[in-house]
Amino acid sequence: MKYVGSKNRVSKQIVPILQSLIDKNNVNIYYEPFVGGCNIIDKIHCEYHIWNDIHKELIALLKALQNGWKPPLHIFEEEYNKVRLHKKDYPDYYVGLVGFCSTFGSFNFII
């Protein structure tokens, strides 16, 4: 199931506009206030990238990955349900991984 709010579908239209403004104005810091799945920021060429999002589990997941954390290759439905029902028992980055990357029955529990 595709996330309705994803910018991936429109990235081919948005990125050239942003990139031209960055290049034309010699901008060296690109700030992305709604990083989500990184569908825009990963295509922007700029010296520095600053990303933000209000979703704490998403940010924790992205930071863990950035710091070298290797997520498990499989999340089975039993594990998904345990995390869904007991989020406070797991680190935020793991809740983010399970919630964003292994939604059984197309149900996202971390929003």
C-alpha atoms as a PDB file:
ATOM      1  CA  MET A   1       0.000   0.000   0.000  1.00  0.00           C
ATOM      2  CA  LYS A   2       1.405   3.396  -0.956  1.00  0.00           C
ATOM      3  CA  TYR A   3       1.469   6.125   1.664  1.00  0.00           C
ATOM      4  CA  VAL A   4      -0.974   8.811   0.496  1.00  0.00           C
ATOM      5  CA  GLY A   5       1.224  11.670   1.722  1.00  0.00           C
ATOM      6  CA  SER A   6       4.352  10.481  -0.054  1.00  0.00           C
ATOM      7  CA  LYS A   7       6.193  13.012  -2.213  1.00  0.00           C
ATOM      8  CA  ASN A   8       7.772  10.230  -4.274  1.00  0.00           C
ATOM      9  CA  ARG A   9       5.151  10.496  -7.030  1.00  0.00           C
ATOM     10  CA  VAL A  10       5.797  14.226  -7.504  1.00  0.00           C
ATOM     11  CA  SER A  11       9.542  14.273  -6.824  1.00  0.00           C
ATOM     12  CA  LYS A  12      10.348  14.453 -10.564  1.00  0.00           C
ATOM     13  CA  GLN A  13       8.445  17.726 -10.735  1.00  0.00           C
ATOM     14  CA  ILE A  14       9.465  19.205  -7.358  1.00  0.00           C
ATOM     15  CA  VAL A  15      13.199  18.448  -7.315  1.00  0.00           C
ATOM     16  CA  PRO A  16      14.126  20.371 -10.509  1.00  0.00           C
ATOM     17  CA  ILE A  17      12.339  23.468  -9.186  1.00  0.00           C
ATOM     18  CA  LEU A  18      14.042  23.280  -5.797  1.00  0.00           C
ATOM     19  CA  GLN A  19      17.422  22.439  -7.332  1.00  0.00           C
ATOM     20  CA  SER A  20      17.266  25.389  -9.726  1.00  0.00           C
ATOM     21  CA  LEU A  21      16.499  27.759  -6.841  1.00  0.00           C
ATOM     22  CA  ILE A  22      19.348  26.287  -4.790  1.00  0.00           C
ATOM     23  CA  ASP A  23      21.796  26.629  -7.691  1.00  0.00           C
ATOM     24  CA  LYS A  24      20.645  30.082  -8.779  1.00  0.00           C
ATOM     25  CA  ASN A  25      20.877  31.517  -5.268  1.00  0.00           C
ATOM     26  CA  ASN A  26      24.089  29.730  -4.221  1.00  0.00           C
ATOM     27  CA  VAL A  27      22.316  28.044  -1.317  1.00  0.00           C
ATOM     28  CA  ASN A  28      24.543  25.653   0.612  1.00  0.00           C
ATOM     29  CA  ILE A  29      22.045  24.389   3.221  1.00  0.00           C
ATOM     30  CA  TYR A  30      18.887  22.542   2.215  1.00  0.00           C
ATOM     31  CA  TYR A  31      16.326  22.241   4.999  1.00  0.00           C
ATOM     32  CA  GLU A  32      13.558  19.630   4.611  1.00  0.00           C
ATOM     33  CA  PRO A  33      10.816  20.177   7.207  1.00  0.00           C
ATOM     34  CA  PHE A  34       8.790  17.070   6.258  1.00  0.00           C
ATOM     35  CA  VAL A  35      11.420  14.430   5.493  1.00  0.00           C
ATOM     36  CA  GLY A  36       9.064  11.429   5.674  1.00  0.00           C
ATOM     37  CA  GLY A  37      10.534   8.692   3.481  1.00  0.00           C
ATOM     38  CA  CYS A  38      13.395  10.920   2.212  1.00  0.00           C
ATOM     39  CA  ASN A  39      11.884  11.070  -1.285  1.00  0.00           C
ATOM     40  CA  ILE A  40      13.001  14.652  -1.913  1.00  0.00           C
ATOM     41  CA  ILE A  41      16.078  15.243   0.238  1.00  0.00           C
ATOM     42  CA  ASP A  42      17.957  12.301  -1.273  1.00  0.00           C
ATOM     43  CA  LYS A  43      17.744  13.917  -4.724  1.00  0.00           C
ATOM     44  CA  ILE A  44      18.819  17.445  -3.742  1.00  0.00           C
ATOM     45  CA  HIS A  45      22.445  18.396  -4.407  1.00  0.00           C
ATOM     46  CA  CYS A  46      23.591  20.794  -1.726  1.00  0.00           C
ATOM     47  CA  GLU A  47      26.574  21.046   0.590  1.00  0.00           C
ATOM     48  CA  TYR A  48      24.521  20.461   3.755  1.00  0.00           C
ATOM     49  CA  HIS A  49      21.191  18.744   4.312  1.00  0.00           C
ATOM     50  CA  ILE A  50      19.065  19.260   7.416  1.00  0.00           C
ATOM     51  CA  TRP A  51      16.046  17.015   7.780  1.00  0.00           C
ATOM     52  CA  ASN A  52      13.179  17.174  10.193  1.00  0.00           C
ATOM     53  CA  ASP A  53       9.860  15.522  10.884  1.00  0.00           C
ATOM     54  CA  ILE A  54       7.436  15.541  13.793  1.00  0.00           C
ATOM     55  CA  HIS A  55       7.197  11.753  13.896  1.00  0.00           C
ATOM     56  CA  LYS A  56       9.594  10.659  16.666  1.00  0.00           C
ATOM     57  CA  GLU A  57       9.717   6.978  15.654  1.00  0.00           C
ATOM     58  CA  LEU A  58      10.523   7.894  12.040  1.00  0.00           C
ATOM     59  CA  ILE A  59      13.343  10.203  13.083  1.00  0.00           C
ATOM     60  CA  ALA A  60      14.670   7.598  15.527  1.00  0.00           C
ATOM     61  CA  LEU A  61      14.626   4.994  12.734  1.00  0.00           C
ATOM     62  CA  LEU A  62      16.444   7.275  10.269  1.00  0.00           C
ATOM     63  CA  LYS A  63      19.058   8.221  12.877  1.00  0.00           C
ATOM     64  CA  ALA A  64      19.636   4.573  13.801  1.00  0.00           C
ATOM     65  CA  LEU A  65      20.148   3.685  10.143  1.00  0.00           C
ATOM     66  CA  GLN A  66      22.424   6.687   9.681  1.00  0.00           C
ATOM     67  CA  ASN A  67      24.490   5.483  12.653  1.00  0.00           C
ATOM     68  CA  GLY A  68      24.960   2.055  11.105  1.00  0.00           C
ATOM     69  CA  TRP A  69      22.145   0.034  12.688  1.00  0.00           C
ATOM     70  CA  LYS A  70      21.332  -2.985  10.545  1.00  0.00           C
ATOM     71  CA  PRO A  71      17.606  -3.776  10.727  1.00  0.00           C
ATOM     72  CA  PRO A  72      16.374  -7.352  10.641  1.00  0.00           C
ATOM     73  CA  LEU A  73      15.562  -8.681   7.195  1.00  0.00           C
ATOM     74  CA  HIS A  74      12.194 -10.084   8.267  1.00  0.00           C
ATOM     75  CA  ILE A  75       9.495  -8.957  10.682  1.00  0.00           C
ATOM     76  CA  PHE A  76       6.931 -11.686  11.111  1.00  0.00           C
ATOM     77  CA  GLU A  77       3.298 -10.996  11.953  1.00  0.00           C
ATOM     78  CA  GLU A  78       3.657 -12.228  15.539  1.00  0.00           C
ATOM     79  CA  GLU A  79       6.487  -9.731  16.162  1.00  0.00           C
ATOM     80  CA  TYR A  80       4.529  -6.981  14.430  1.00  0.00           C
ATOM     81  CA  ASN A  81       1.552  -7.570  16.740  1.00  0.00           C
ATOM     82  CA  LYS A  82       3.742  -7.652  19.879  1.00  0.00           C
ATOM     83  CA  VAL A  83       5.319  -4.315  18.969  1.00  0.00           C
ATOM     84  CA  ARG A  84       1.960  -2.812  17.949  1.00  0.00           C
ATOM     85  CA  LEU A  85       0.402  -3.730  21.289  1.00  0.00           C
ATOM     86  CA  HIS A  86       3.418  -2.858  23.479  1.00  0.00           C
ATOM     87  CA  LYS A  87       5.222   0.042  21.765  1.00  0.00           C
ATOM     88  CA  LYS A  88       6.616   1.359  25.050  1.00  0.00           C
ATOM     89  CA  ASP A  89       8.561  -1.878  25.539  1.00  0.00           C
ATOM     90  CA  TYR A  90      10.657  -1.268  22.398  1.00  0.00           C
ATOM     91  CA  PRO A  91      13.095   1.432  21.283  1.00  0.00           C
ATOM     92  CA  ASP A  92      11.535   4.163  19.126  1.00  0.00           C
ATOM     93  CA  TYR A  93      13.678   3.215  16.116  1.00  0.00           C
ATOM     94  CA  TYR A  94      12.393  -0.353  16.231  1.00  0.00           C
ATOM     95  CA  VAL A  95       8.772   0.787  16.570  1.00  0.00           C
ATOM     96  CA  GLY A  96       9.404   2.987  13.528  1.00  0.00           C
ATOM     97  CA  LEU A  97      10.835   0.101  11.521  1.00  0.00           C
ATOM     98  CA  VAL A  98       8.019  -2.277  12.387  1.00  0.00           C
ATOM     99  CA  GLY A  99       5.313   0.335  11.897  1.00  0.00           C
ATOM    100  CA  PHE A 100       6.559   1.779   8.621  1.00  0.00           C
ATOM    101  CA  CYS A 101       8.118  -1.257   6.972  1.00  0.00           C
ATOM    102  CA  SER A 102       6.014  -4.258   7.938  1.00  0.00           C
ATOM    103  CA  THR A 103       2.361  -3.314   8.051  1.00  0.00           C
ATOM    104  CA  PHE A 104       0.302  -6.480   7.987  1.00  0.00           C
ATOM    105  CA  GLY A 105      -3.187  -5.999   6.591  1.00  0.00           C
ATOM    106  CA  SER A 106      -2.253  -2.486   5.372  1.00  0.00           C
ATOM    107  CA  PHE A 107      -2.675  -1.041   8.866  1.00  0.00           C
ATOM    108  CA  ASN A 108      -0.125   1.469  10.086  1.00  0.00           C
ATOM    109  CA  PHE A 109      -0.197   1.640  13.884  1.00  0.00           C
ATOM    110  CA  ILE A 110       2.286   4.403  14.678  1.00  0.00           C
ATOM    111  CA  ILE A 111       0.515   7.421  13.257  1.00  0.00           C
END
